[in-house]
Amino acid sequence: MMRLLNYLTFASIFCSAGALESNVVSNLSDLPFDENDHLNAHILAFPASGPCGALMKAQIEATFLYGHVPVAVEGDAAEKLFGSNIPIKPSAVTDCPAVCLDRGVDSSLVAYPLPEKYYNPENETHQSLEQFVASKSCGRVEFGFINYSGKDLALYWVNGDAETYMYPFLQKERNTRFVTTFIGHTFRAKDPETGVVLLEHTVECNGVMGVSNHINYHRQRDIREEVKRTMAGEWTKHLQVKRTFSALGFDKGHLPNDVFGSMRAFYYNNRAPPNRLMEEWDSKGLYVNFWETDCNFIQIPWELKFIWQERLKDVVQEWVGETEIEQTDLYGMRQYETGARLLTHVDRITTHAVSLIVNV
């Protein structure tokens, strides 16, 4: 198990797809970063010169880019993104490299995209550059909607002046609606009885968003006595654990840059309400002191979670050694506020043999 602890205009810096000659950078630091040093636009990067440059430019001008700004890279920027993988004599555009860089990634991590972000014609969703841009490597994203409005709603996809009914939009985290969609698509949540629109959102990245926010209910209780009983139960559970994987019992280290960059970008793009929401602790026990301080939560889309899980399993497996492990869960992202604490506890014994906590 693992716990994971303004859209600026690009037009003033780079031109549109119809004027690609001016969108050339030789150093990745020349990409557009916001005041916090995070990439402020989705980028489609490709070689600037040679046959690949000409092939890519011609194809890109005829391709819908789903909010990505095309940027030709040369020199150090091309070396960092593509290394020696730029062919001298490509026979077609499918021989040439390209990569999609996520809005929100740190400048220090922009040179480390996930492998899934690269154009790979062997991938069945990358048979053409157009398909690549429309795939989950670039323009296709997953976005979740959570309903805390106090009543059941209806979720619609909006296309111009028309709207298409999608799902009943029930309440709370367990009824989160994740949809696979594209950057630029708009969704609307409405009261089915009155027709009042409670949310309208145009998707810009992988993420999640709430209609209103959860409020943890604080009932009258003897907190000290309940915490004491909870800790006694955790002590009993820990006595049942018979297997350890090291003399010390834990280790700390660094994640691969591409994985950490992906996590950081996701968090940055969803770090504020209504994307960041109050975690539902009033029905989960006393492990977090929700009655004293807020504990926020950002749900992770399923496809992105799967990519992270596969890579994080490798990190944990290296620490564990020869005993083969399997991925069982990934939970987060949780944001603790000042004064928050998490009770010492034992995770589920039957499934959580080893765990990984990531500070994002």
Protein backbone atom coordinates (compact mmCIF):
# COMPACT_ATOMS: atom_id res chain seq x y z
CA MET A 1 0.00 0.00 0.00
CA MET A 2 1.17 3.53 -0.68
CA ARG A 3 -0.05 6.82 0.79
CA LEU A 4 0.65 9.94 -1.08
CA LEU A 5 1.14 12.59 1.06
CA ASN A 6 -3.81 29.81 -12.76
CA TYR A 7 -3.50 28.77 -16.09
CA LEU A 8 -1.22 31.42 -17.65
CA THR A 9 -1.47 32.30 -21.30
CA PHE A 10 1.17 30.83 -23.59
CA ALA A 11 0.48 33.17 -26.48
CA SER A 12 2.88 35.87 -25.30
CA ILE A 13 5.81 33.43 -25.37
CA PHE A 14 5.07 30.99 -28.15
CA CYS A 15 3.00 31.05 -31.28
CA SER A 16 0.23 28.73 -32.38
CA ALA A 17 0.63 25.58 -34.44
CA GLY A 18 0.37 27.67 -37.59
CA ALA A 19 3.60 29.52 -36.79
CA LEU A 20 5.90 26.73 -35.65
CA GLU A 21 9.11 28.39 -36.79
CA SER A 22 9.12 30.65 -33.72
CA ASN A 23 8.44 27.82 -31.23
CA VAL A 24 12.03 26.61 -30.95
CA VAL A 25 13.99 26.15 -27.72
CA SER A 26 17.54 24.93 -27.18
CA ASN A 27 17.31 24.78 -23.40
CA LEU A 28 14.40 23.38 -21.40
CA SER A 29 14.62 26.35 -19.04
CA ASP A 30 13.29 28.44 -21.95
CA LEU A 31 9.94 26.67 -21.76
CA PRO A 32 7.16 28.72 -20.16
CA PHE A 33 7.11 28.31 -16.38
CA ASP A 34 4.84 30.11 -13.94
CA GLU A 35 5.80 32.11 -10.87
CA ASN A 36 6.23 28.85 -8.92
CA ASP A 37 8.56 27.35 -11.54
CA HIS A 38 6.02 24.86 -12.88
CA LEU A 39 5.29 24.35 -16.56
CA ASN A 40 2.28 26.55 -17.36
CA ALA A 41 1.03 24.77 -20.49
CA HIS A 42 0.84 21.30 -21.98
CA ILE A 43 3.72 20.91 -24.45
CA LEU A 44 4.13 18.67 -27.51
CA ALA A 45 7.91 18.57 -28.03
CA PHE A 46 9.60 17.29 -31.19
CA PRO A 47 12.98 17.68 -32.97
CA ALA A 48 13.56 21.11 -34.48
CA SER A 49 15.86 20.27 -37.35
CA GLY A 50 16.63 17.67 -39.95
CA PRO A 51 14.13 15.46 -41.75
CA CYS A 52 12.26 14.71 -38.51
CA GLY A 53 11.76 18.42 -37.90
CA ALA A 54 10.19 18.88 -41.34
CA LEU A 55 8.06 15.74 -41.08
CA MET A 56 6.79 16.63 -37.62
CA LYS A 57 5.98 20.24 -38.48
CA ALA A 58 3.93 19.21 -41.50
CA GLN A 59 2.00 16.62 -39.52
CA ILE A 60 1.43 18.85 -36.48
CA GLU A 61 -0.04 21.64 -38.59
CA ALA A 62 -2.74 19.18 -39.69
CA THR A 63 -3.39 17.71 -36.23
CA PHE A 64 -5.78 18.82 -33.49
CA LEU A 65 -3.58 19.16 -30.41
CA TYR A 66 -6.04 19.11 -27.48
CA GLY A 67 -4.59 22.17 -25.80
CA HIS A 68 -0.94 21.21 -26.34
CA VAL A 69 1.48 23.85 -27.59
CA PRO A 70 3.92 22.48 -30.18
CA VAL A 71 7.55 23.24 -29.38
CA ALA A 72 10.53 22.22 -31.51
CA VAL A 73 13.62 21.40 -29.45
CA GLU A 74 17.27 21.49 -30.44
CA GLY A 75 20.66 21.38 -28.76
CA ASP A 76 20.65 20.58 -25.06
CA ALA A 77 16.84 20.42 -24.90
CA ALA A 78 16.71 17.79 -27.65
CA GLU A 79 19.52 15.84 -26.01
CA LYS A 80 17.74 15.73 -22.66
CA LEU A 81 14.37 14.67 -24.07
CA PHE A 82 15.40 12.39 -26.93
CA GLY A 83 19.08 11.51 -26.43
CA SER A 84 20.36 9.72 -29.54
CA ASN A 85 16.90 8.62 -30.67
CA ILE A 86 16.55 11.14 -33.51
CA PRO A 87 17.10 9.25 -36.80
CA ILE A 88 19.20 10.86 -39.52
CA LYS A 89 17.15 9.39 -42.38
CA PRO A 90 13.59 8.67 -41.21
CA SER A 91 11.31 7.07 -43.79
CA ALA A 92 8.15 8.50 -42.21
CA VAL A 93 6.97 10.63 -39.31
CA THR A 94 6.43 7.43 -37.32
CA ASP A 95 10.22 7.04 -37.17
CA CYS A 96 10.59 10.37 -35.40
CA PRO A 97 10.39 11.03 -31.65
CA ALA A 98 7.90 13.26 -29.87
CA VAL A 99 6.83 13.64 -26.26
CA CYS A 100 4.00 15.31 -24.36
CA LEU A 101 5.01 17.29 -21.26
CA ASP A 102 2.34 17.82 -18.62
CA ARG A 103 1.34 21.24 -17.45
CA GLY A 104 2.31 21.62 -13.81
CA VAL A 105 5.58 19.68 -13.82
CA ASP A 106 8.50 21.26 -11.95
CA SER A 107 11.22 22.88 -14.05
CA SER A 108 13.76 20.57 -12.36
CA LEU A 109 11.78 17.50 -13.50
CA VAL A 110 10.60 18.56 -16.95
CA ALA A 111 13.43 16.57 -18.58
CA TYR A 112 12.04 13.32 -17.14
CA PRO A 113 8.66 12.46 -18.69
CA LEU A 114 7.15 9.06 -18.01
CA PRO A 115 7.87 6.52 -20.79
CA GLU A 116 4.13 6.50 -21.50
CA LYS A 117 4.36 10.15 -22.59
CA TYR A 118 6.58 9.35 -25.61
CA TYR A 119 5.37 8.71 -29.16
CA ASN A 120 5.72 4.97 -29.77
CA PRO A 121 4.19 3.60 -32.99
CA GLU A 122 4.44 0.07 -31.54
CA ASN A 123 1.70 1.15 -29.14
CA GLU A 124 -1.66 0.40 -30.75
CA THR A 125 -2.94 3.86 -29.74
CA HIS A 126 0.05 5.55 -31.43
CA GLN A 127 -0.37 4.30 -35.00
CA SER A 128 -0.20 7.88 -36.22
CA LEU A 129 0.85 11.19 -34.67
CA GLU A 130 -2.82 12.17 -34.62
CA GLN A 131 -3.68 9.05 -32.61
CA PHE A 132 -0.76 9.69 -30.26
CA VAL A 133 -1.94 13.22 -29.47
CA ALA A 134 -5.47 11.90 -28.88
CA SER A 135 -4.26 9.10 -26.59
CA LYS A 136 -3.77 9.06 -22.82
CA SER A 137 -0.15 9.97 -23.50
CA CYS A 138 -1.31 13.48 -24.40
CA GLY A 139 -4.84 14.74 -24.90
CA ARG A 140 -6.94 11.99 -23.35
CA VAL A 141 -7.30 12.40 -19.59
CA GLU A 142 -9.34 11.05 -16.70
CA PHE A 143 -11.32 13.42 -14.52
CA GLY A 144 -13.38 12.75 -11.42
CA PHE A 145 -16.42 14.55 -10.01
CA ILE A 146 -17.51 14.29 -6.35
CA ASN A 147 -20.87 15.48 -5.10
CA TYR A 148 -21.09 17.20 -1.70
CA SER A 149 -24.02 19.43 -2.61
CA GLY A 150 -26.43 17.76 -0.17
CA LYS A 151 -28.62 16.17 -2.86
CA ASP A 152 -28.29 13.82 -5.83
CA LEU A 153 -27.51 15.55 -9.12
CA ALA A 154 -27.19 14.72 -12.81
CA LEU A 155 -23.93 14.93 -14.78
CA TYR A 156 -23.88 16.17 -18.39
CA TRP A 157 -21.31 16.45 -21.16
CA VAL A 158 -21.55 19.86 -22.85
CA ASN A 159 -20.96 20.28 -26.58
CA GLY A 160 -21.50 23.86 -27.66
CA ASP A 161 -25.08 24.79 -26.90
CA ALA A 162 -26.11 21.15 -26.45
CA GLU A 163 -25.71 18.90 -23.42
CA THR A 164 -25.80 15.12 -23.21
CA TYR A 165 -26.91 13.34 -20.04
CA MET A 166 -24.24 10.96 -18.77
CA TYR A 167 -24.89 9.65 -15.25
CA PRO A 168 -26.83 10.09 -12.06
CA PHE A 169 -24.42 12.00 -9.82
CA LEU A 170 -24.83 10.62 -6.30
CA GLN A 171 -23.27 11.95 -3.13
CA LYS A 172 -19.93 11.48 -1.32
CA GLU A 173 -16.57 9.93 -2.12
CA ARG A 174 -17.85 6.39 -2.67
CA ASN A 175 -19.92 7.68 -5.59
CA THR A 176 -17.15 9.63 -7.31
CA ARG A 177 -17.69 9.68 -11.07
CA PHE A 178 -14.48 9.34 -13.09
CA VAL A 179 -14.86 9.95 -16.81
CA THR A 180 -12.36 9.38 -19.59
CA THR A 181 -12.40 12.48 -21.74
CA PHE A 182 -10.20 14.98 -23.57
CA ILE A 183 -8.58 18.26 -22.61
CA GLY A 184 -11.02 21.02 -23.56
CA HIS A 185 -14.21 19.02 -22.95
CA THR A 186 -16.80 20.58 -20.65
CA PHE A 187 -19.04 18.95 -18.04
CA ARG A 188 -22.01 20.28 -16.12
CA ALA A 189 -23.67 19.12 -12.88
CA LYS A 190 -27.32 20.06 -12.50
CA ASP A 191 -30.12 19.67 -10.03
CA PRO A 192 -32.44 17.25 -11.86
CA GLU A 193 -35.52 18.78 -10.25
CA THR A 194 -34.87 22.50 -10.75
CA GLY A 195 -32.35 22.47 -13.61
CA VAL A 196 -30.03 24.72 -11.61
CA VAL A 197 -26.38 24.33 -12.63
CA LEU A 198 -24.18 23.71 -9.59
CA LEU A 199 -20.93 23.10 -11.48
CA GLU A 200 -19.60 23.69 -14.98
CA HIS A 201 -16.00 22.77 -15.68
CA THR A 202 -13.77 22.57 -18.75
CA VAL A 203 -11.17 19.85 -18.26
CA GLU A 204 -7.52 20.96 -18.47
CA CYS A 205 -5.66 17.93 -17.09
CA ASN A 206 -6.01 14.70 -15.12
CA GLY A 207 -7.80 15.59 -11.93
CA VAL A 208 -10.81 15.63 -9.68
CA MET A 209 -13.30 18.28 -8.59
CA GLY A 210 -16.03 18.60 -6.01
CA VAL A 211 -19.45 20.18 -6.07
CA SER A 212 -19.18 21.98 -2.73
CA ASN A 213 -17.06 20.33 -0.01
CA HIS A 214 -17.43 17.73 2.68
CA ILE A 215 -17.98 18.83 6.28
CA ASN A 216 -16.96 16.33 8.93
CA TYR A 217 -19.68 15.82 11.51
CA HIS A 218 -18.46 16.13 15.12
CA ARG A 219 -20.68 14.17 17.49
CA GLN A 220 -20.38 14.22 21.26
CA ARG A 221 -17.92 11.51 22.33
CA ASP A 222 -15.14 10.71 24.76
CA ILE A 223 -12.21 11.19 22.39
CA ARG A 224 -9.50 10.25 24.90
CA GLU A 225 -11.16 6.95 25.79
CA GLU A 226 -11.81 6.05 22.14
CA VAL A 227 -8.21 6.82 21.17
CA LYS A 228 -7.01 4.66 24.07
CA ARG A 229 -9.15 1.73 22.88
CA THR A 230 -7.99 2.23 19.29
CA MET A 231 -4.33 2.16 20.31
CA ALA A 232 -4.90 -0.99 22.37
CA GLY A 233 -6.40 -2.66 19.32
CA GLU A 234 -3.45 -1.62 17.16
CA TRP A 235 -1.02 -3.05 19.72
CA THR A 236 -2.85 -6.38 19.59
CA LYS A 237 -2.70 -6.36 15.78
CA HIS A 238 1.02 -5.68 15.71
CA LEU A 239 1.67 -8.81 17.78
CA GLN A 240 0.17 -10.86 14.93
CA VAL A 241 2.80 -9.69 12.44
CA LYS A 242 5.53 -12.36 12.25
CA ARG A 243 7.49 -11.38 9.15
CA THR A 244 9.95 -8.49 8.74
CA PHE A 245 12.11 -7.56 5.77
CA SER A 246 15.03 -5.77 7.39
CA ALA A 247 16.67 -5.40 10.79
CA LEU A 248 15.62 -1.75 11.04
CA GLY A 249 12.17 -2.21 9.57
CA PHE A 250 12.14 0.81 7.27
CA ASP A 251 14.24 2.76 4.79
CA LYS A 252 14.04 6.08 2.99
CA GLY A 253 15.14 7.13 -0.46
CA HIS A 254 14.27 8.90 -3.71
CA LEU A 255 11.71 7.98 -6.33
CA PRO A 256 12.64 7.82 -10.03
CA ASN A 257 12.51 11.36 -11.42
CA ASP A 258 9.83 10.59 -13.99
CA VAL A 259 7.44 9.10 -11.42
CA PHE A 260 7.99 11.91 -8.94
CA GLY A 261 7.57 14.49 -11.71
CA SER A 262 4.21 12.98 -12.68
CA MET A 263 3.04 13.00 -9.06
CA ARG A 264 4.19 16.56 -8.52
CA ALA A 265 2.42 17.78 -11.65
CA PHE A 266 -0.82 16.07 -10.65
CA TYR A 267 -0.68 17.54 -7.16
CA TYR A 268 0.17 21.03 -8.42
CA ASN A 269 -2.72 21.01 -10.89
CA ASN A 270 -5.17 19.89 -8.18
CA ARG A 271 -3.70 21.51 -5.06
CA ALA A 272 -6.50 23.96 -4.28
CA PRO A 273 -10.30 23.72 -3.78
CA PRO A 274 -12.52 22.62 -5.41
CA ASN A 275 -10.00 19.96 -6.53
CA ARG A 276 -8.64 19.46 -3.03
CA LEU A 277 -11.47 18.41 -0.73
CA MET A 278 -12.00 17.56 2.93
CA GLU A 279 -11.39 13.87 3.60
CA GLU A 280 -14.40 12.00 5.00
CA TRP A 281 -13.17 11.09 8.46
CA ASP A 282 -16.39 11.32 10.44
CA SER A 283 -17.21 7.76 9.33
CA LYS A 284 -13.68 6.29 9.46
CA GLY A 285 -12.57 6.34 13.08
CA LEU A 286 -10.03 8.38 15.02
CA TYR A 287 -6.76 7.67 13.23
CA VAL A 288 -6.63 11.29 12.05
CA ASN A 289 -7.61 14.07 14.50
CA PHE A 290 -10.20 15.56 12.16
CA TRP A 291 -12.04 17.17 15.11
CA GLU A 292 -9.03 19.43 15.74
CA THR A 293 -7.64 20.21 12.29
CA ASP A 294 -8.51 19.76 8.63
CA CYS A 295 -7.28 16.80 6.62
CA ASN A 296 -7.63 17.28 2.87
CA PHE A 297 -7.75 14.73 0.10
CA ILE A 298 -7.15 14.61 -3.67
CA GLN A 299 -8.40 11.46 -5.37
CA ILE A 300 -6.13 9.97 -8.03
CA PRO A 301 -7.64 8.90 -11.38
CA TRP A 302 -7.53 5.17 -12.01
CA GLU A 303 -5.31 5.09 -15.10
CA LEU A 304 -2.71 7.39 -13.56
CA LYS A 305 -2.84 5.38 -10.34
CA PHE A 306 -2.11 2.18 -12.26
CA ILE A 307 1.01 3.69 -13.87
CA TRP A 308 2.32 4.86 -10.50
CA GLN A 309 1.52 1.53 -8.83
CA GLU A 310 3.52 -0.47 -11.34
CA ARG A 311 6.59 1.73 -10.92
CA LEU A 312 6.37 2.00 -7.15
CA LYS A 313 6.11 -1.74 -6.83
CA ASP A 314 9.58 -1.98 -8.39
CA VAL A 315 10.96 0.40 -5.76
CA VAL A 316 9.48 -1.62 -2.89
CA GLN A 317 10.49 -4.94 -4.47
CA GLU A 318 14.13 -3.83 -4.57
CA TRP A 319 14.00 -3.12 -0.83
CA VAL A 320 12.18 -6.36 0.06
CA GLY A 321 14.59 -8.55 -1.88
CA GLU A 322 13.81 -12.06 -3.11
CA THR A 323 10.32 -12.36 -1.64
CA GLU A 324 7.92 -11.56 -4.49
CA ILE A 325 5.28 -8.97 -3.66
CA GLU A 326 2.10 -7.90 -5.41
CA GLN A 327 0.44 -4.51 -5.55
CA THR A 328 -2.75 -4.37 -3.47
CA ASP A 329 -3.64 -0.72 -2.94
CA LEU A 330 -2.69 2.90 -3.42
CA TYR A 331 -4.37 5.57 -1.32
CA GLY A 332 -4.09 9.33 -1.49
CA MET A 333 -3.27 12.06 -1.92
CA ARG A 334 -3.76 13.23 1.66
CA GLN A 335 -2.75 16.69 2.83
CA TYR A 336 -2.21 17.19 6.54
CA GLU A 337 -2.56 20.69 7.98
CA THR A 338 -0.75 22.25 10.95
CA GLY A 339 -1.56 20.33 14.13
CA ALA A 340 -2.62 17.14 12.37
CA ARG A 341 -1.47 13.75 13.59
CA LEU A 342 -1.91 10.16 12.45
CA LEU A 343 -2.20 7.48 15.12
CA THR A 344 0.43 4.76 15.15
CA HIS A 345 -1.31 1.85 13.50
CA VAL A 346 -0.93 -1.48 11.71
CA ASP A 347 -2.20 -1.70 8.13
CA ARG A 348 -4.38 -4.58 6.98
CA ILE A 349 -2.38 -7.67 7.87
CA THR A 350 -3.79 -9.89 5.13
CA THR A 351 -2.86 -7.57 2.24
CA HIS A 352 -0.42 -4.88 3.42
CA ALA A 353 2.88 -6.66 4.02
CA VAL A 354 5.01 -3.63 3.12
CA SER A 355 4.03 -0.05 2.37
CA LEU A 356 5.49 3.08 0.88
CA ILE A 357 4.76 6.67 1.90
CA VAL A 358 5.56 9.41 -0.62
CA ASN A 359 5.96 13.03 0.45
CA VAL A 360 4.81 15.00 -2.56
